[in-house]
Amino acid sequence: MGTNGNGKRNGWTYNKETLKNKIENNKYVKDVRQKLMEEKLRKKLKK
């Protein structure tokens, strides 16, 4: 959390790096979920 000069919290502070990491992590999570769904479909179709 970021703070103003008077010590009060002003919410989350974001810079380019943290935003980039957030996007990359979301993309990674999406890729993993997609692979899991594809595996489930393959198993279903084999039966």
N, C-alpha and C. Protein backbone atom coordinates (compact mmCIF):
# COMPACT_ATOMS: atom_id res chain seq x y z
N MET A 1 0.84 -1.19 0.00
CA MET A 1 0.00 0.00 0.00
C MET A 1 0.88 1.25 0.00
N GLY A 2 0.44 2.24 -0.71
CA GLY A 2 1.15 3.50 -0.72
C GLY A 2 0.60 4.42 0.35
N THR A 3 1.38 5.37 0.75
CA THR A 3 0.91 6.33 1.75
C THR A 3 1.13 7.75 1.25
N ASN A 4 0.24 8.63 1.64
CA ASN A 4 0.42 10.05 1.36
C ASN A 4 1.43 10.61 2.35
N GLY A 5 1.77 11.89 2.21
CA GLY A 5 2.72 12.52 3.13
C GLY A 5 2.22 12.53 4.57
N ASN A 6 0.89 12.51 4.75
CA ASN A 6 0.36 12.56 6.10
C ASN A 6 0.18 11.17 6.73
N GLY A 7 0.62 10.14 6.03
CA GLY A 7 0.57 8.79 6.58
C GLY A 7 -0.72 8.05 6.30
N LYS A 8 -1.68 8.69 5.66
CA LYS A 8 -2.93 7.99 5.33
C LYS A 8 -2.72 7.14 4.09
N ARG A 9 -3.40 6.01 4.06
CA ARG A 9 -3.26 5.13 2.91
C ARG A 9 -4.07 5.67 1.75
N ASN A 10 -3.50 5.58 0.55
CA ASN A 10 -4.19 6.07 -0.64
C ASN A 10 -4.46 4.95 -1.63
N GLY A 11 -4.53 3.72 -1.15
CA GLY A 11 -4.80 2.59 -2.04
C GLY A 11 -3.51 1.98 -2.56
N TRP A 12 -3.66 1.04 -3.46
CA TRP A 12 -2.49 0.35 -4.01
C TRP A 12 -1.75 1.23 -4.99
N THR A 13 -0.43 1.17 -4.91
CA THR A 13 0.38 1.91 -5.89
C THR A 13 0.87 0.91 -6.94
N TYR A 14 0.68 1.23 -8.19
CA TYR A 14 1.11 0.37 -9.28
C TYR A 14 2.15 1.10 -10.11
N ASN A 15 3.15 0.35 -10.54
CA ASN A 15 4.07 0.88 -11.54
C ASN A 15 4.06 -0.07 -12.73
N LYS A 16 4.77 0.26 -13.76
CA LYS A 16 4.73 -0.55 -14.99
C LYS A 16 5.13 -1.99 -14.72
N GLU A 17 6.13 -2.19 -13.85
CA GLU A 17 6.61 -3.54 -13.59
C GLU A 17 5.54 -4.40 -12.93
N THR A 18 4.87 -3.88 -11.90
CA THR A 18 3.86 -4.69 -11.21
C THR A 18 2.69 -4.99 -12.13
N LEU A 19 2.30 -4.01 -12.95
CA LEU A 19 1.21 -4.26 -13.89
C LEU A 19 1.60 -5.33 -14.90
N LYS A 20 2.84 -5.27 -15.37
CA LYS A 20 3.32 -6.26 -16.34
C LYS A 20 3.31 -7.65 -15.71
N ASN A 21 3.80 -7.75 -14.47
CA ASN A 21 3.80 -9.04 -13.78
C ASN A 21 2.39 -9.57 -13.60
N LYS A 22 1.47 -8.68 -13.27
CA LYS A 22 0.09 -9.10 -13.06
C LYS A 22 -0.49 -9.68 -14.35
N ILE A 23 -0.24 -8.99 -15.46
CA ILE A 23 -0.75 -9.46 -16.75
C ILE A 23 -0.12 -10.80 -17.12
N GLU A 24 1.19 -10.94 -16.93
CA GLU A 24 1.87 -12.19 -17.26
C GLU A 24 1.35 -13.33 -16.41
N ASN A 25 1.12 -13.06 -15.13
CA ASN A 25 0.62 -14.10 -14.25
C ASN A 25 -0.78 -14.52 -14.68
N ASN A 26 -1.60 -13.56 -15.04
CA ASN A 26 -2.94 -13.90 -15.50
C ASN A 26 -2.89 -14.73 -16.78
N LYS A 27 -1.99 -14.37 -17.69
CA LYS A 27 -1.86 -15.12 -18.93
C LYS A 27 -1.40 -16.54 -18.62
N TYR A 28 -0.46 -16.69 -17.71
CA TYR A 28 0.04 -18.02 -17.32
C TYR A 28 -1.09 -18.86 -16.74
N VAL A 29 -1.87 -18.26 -15.85
CA VAL A 29 -2.98 -18.98 -15.24
C VAL A 29 -3.99 -19.41 -16.30
N LYS A 30 -4.27 -18.52 -17.25
CA LYS A 30 -5.22 -18.86 -18.31
C LYS A 30 -4.70 -20.02 -19.14
N ASP A 31 -3.39 -20.01 -19.47
CA ASP A 31 -2.81 -21.10 -20.26
C ASP A 31 -2.94 -22.43 -19.53
N VAL A 32 -2.66 -22.42 -18.23
CA VAL A 32 -2.73 -23.66 -17.46
C VAL A 32 -4.17 -24.18 -17.43
N ARG A 33 -5.11 -23.28 -17.20
CA ARG A 33 -6.52 -23.69 -17.16
C ARG A 33 -6.96 -24.26 -18.49
N GLN A 34 -6.51 -23.62 -19.58
CA GLN A 34 -6.89 -24.10 -20.91
C GLN A 34 -6.34 -25.50 -21.15
N LYS A 35 -5.09 -25.76 -20.75
CA LYS A 35 -4.50 -27.08 -20.93
C LYS A 35 -5.26 -28.12 -20.13
N LEU A 36 -5.67 -27.77 -18.92
CA LEU A 36 -6.43 -28.71 -18.10
C LEU A 36 -7.78 -29.03 -18.75
N MET A 37 -8.44 -28.01 -19.29
CA MET A 37 -9.73 -28.24 -19.95
C MET A 37 -9.55 -29.13 -21.18
N GLU A 38 -8.48 -28.91 -21.94
CA GLU A 38 -8.23 -29.74 -23.12
C GLU A 38 -8.00 -31.19 -22.72
N GLU A 39 -7.28 -31.40 -21.61
CA GLU A 39 -7.05 -32.77 -21.13
C GLU A 39 -8.36 -33.44 -20.75
N LYS A 40 -9.22 -32.70 -20.05
CA LYS A 40 -10.51 -33.26 -19.65
C LYS A 40 -11.32 -33.65 -20.87
N LEU A 41 -11.31 -32.80 -21.89
CA LEU A 41 -12.05 -33.10 -23.12
C LEU A 41 -11.51 -34.35 -23.80
N ARG A 42 -10.20 -34.47 -23.86
CA ARG A 42 -9.59 -35.64 -24.49
C ARG A 42 -10.01 -36.92 -23.78
N LYS A 43 -9.97 -36.89 -22.44
CA LYS A 43 -10.35 -38.07 -21.66
C LYS A 43 -11.83 -38.42 -21.89
N LYS A 44 -12.66 -37.38 -21.97
CA LYS A 44 -14.08 -37.60 -22.18
C LYS A 44 -14.32 -38.23 -23.56
N LEU A 45 -13.62 -37.72 -24.56
CA LEU A 45 -13.83 -38.20 -25.92
C LEU A 45 -13.31 -39.62 -26.12
N LYS A 46 -12.30 -40.02 -25.35
CA LYS A 46 -11.74 -41.37 -25.48
C LYS A 46 -12.74 -42.41 -24.98
N LYS A 47 -13.59 -42.06 -24.04
CA LYS A 47 -14.53 -43.03 -23.45
C LYS A 47 -15.64 -43.39 -24.37
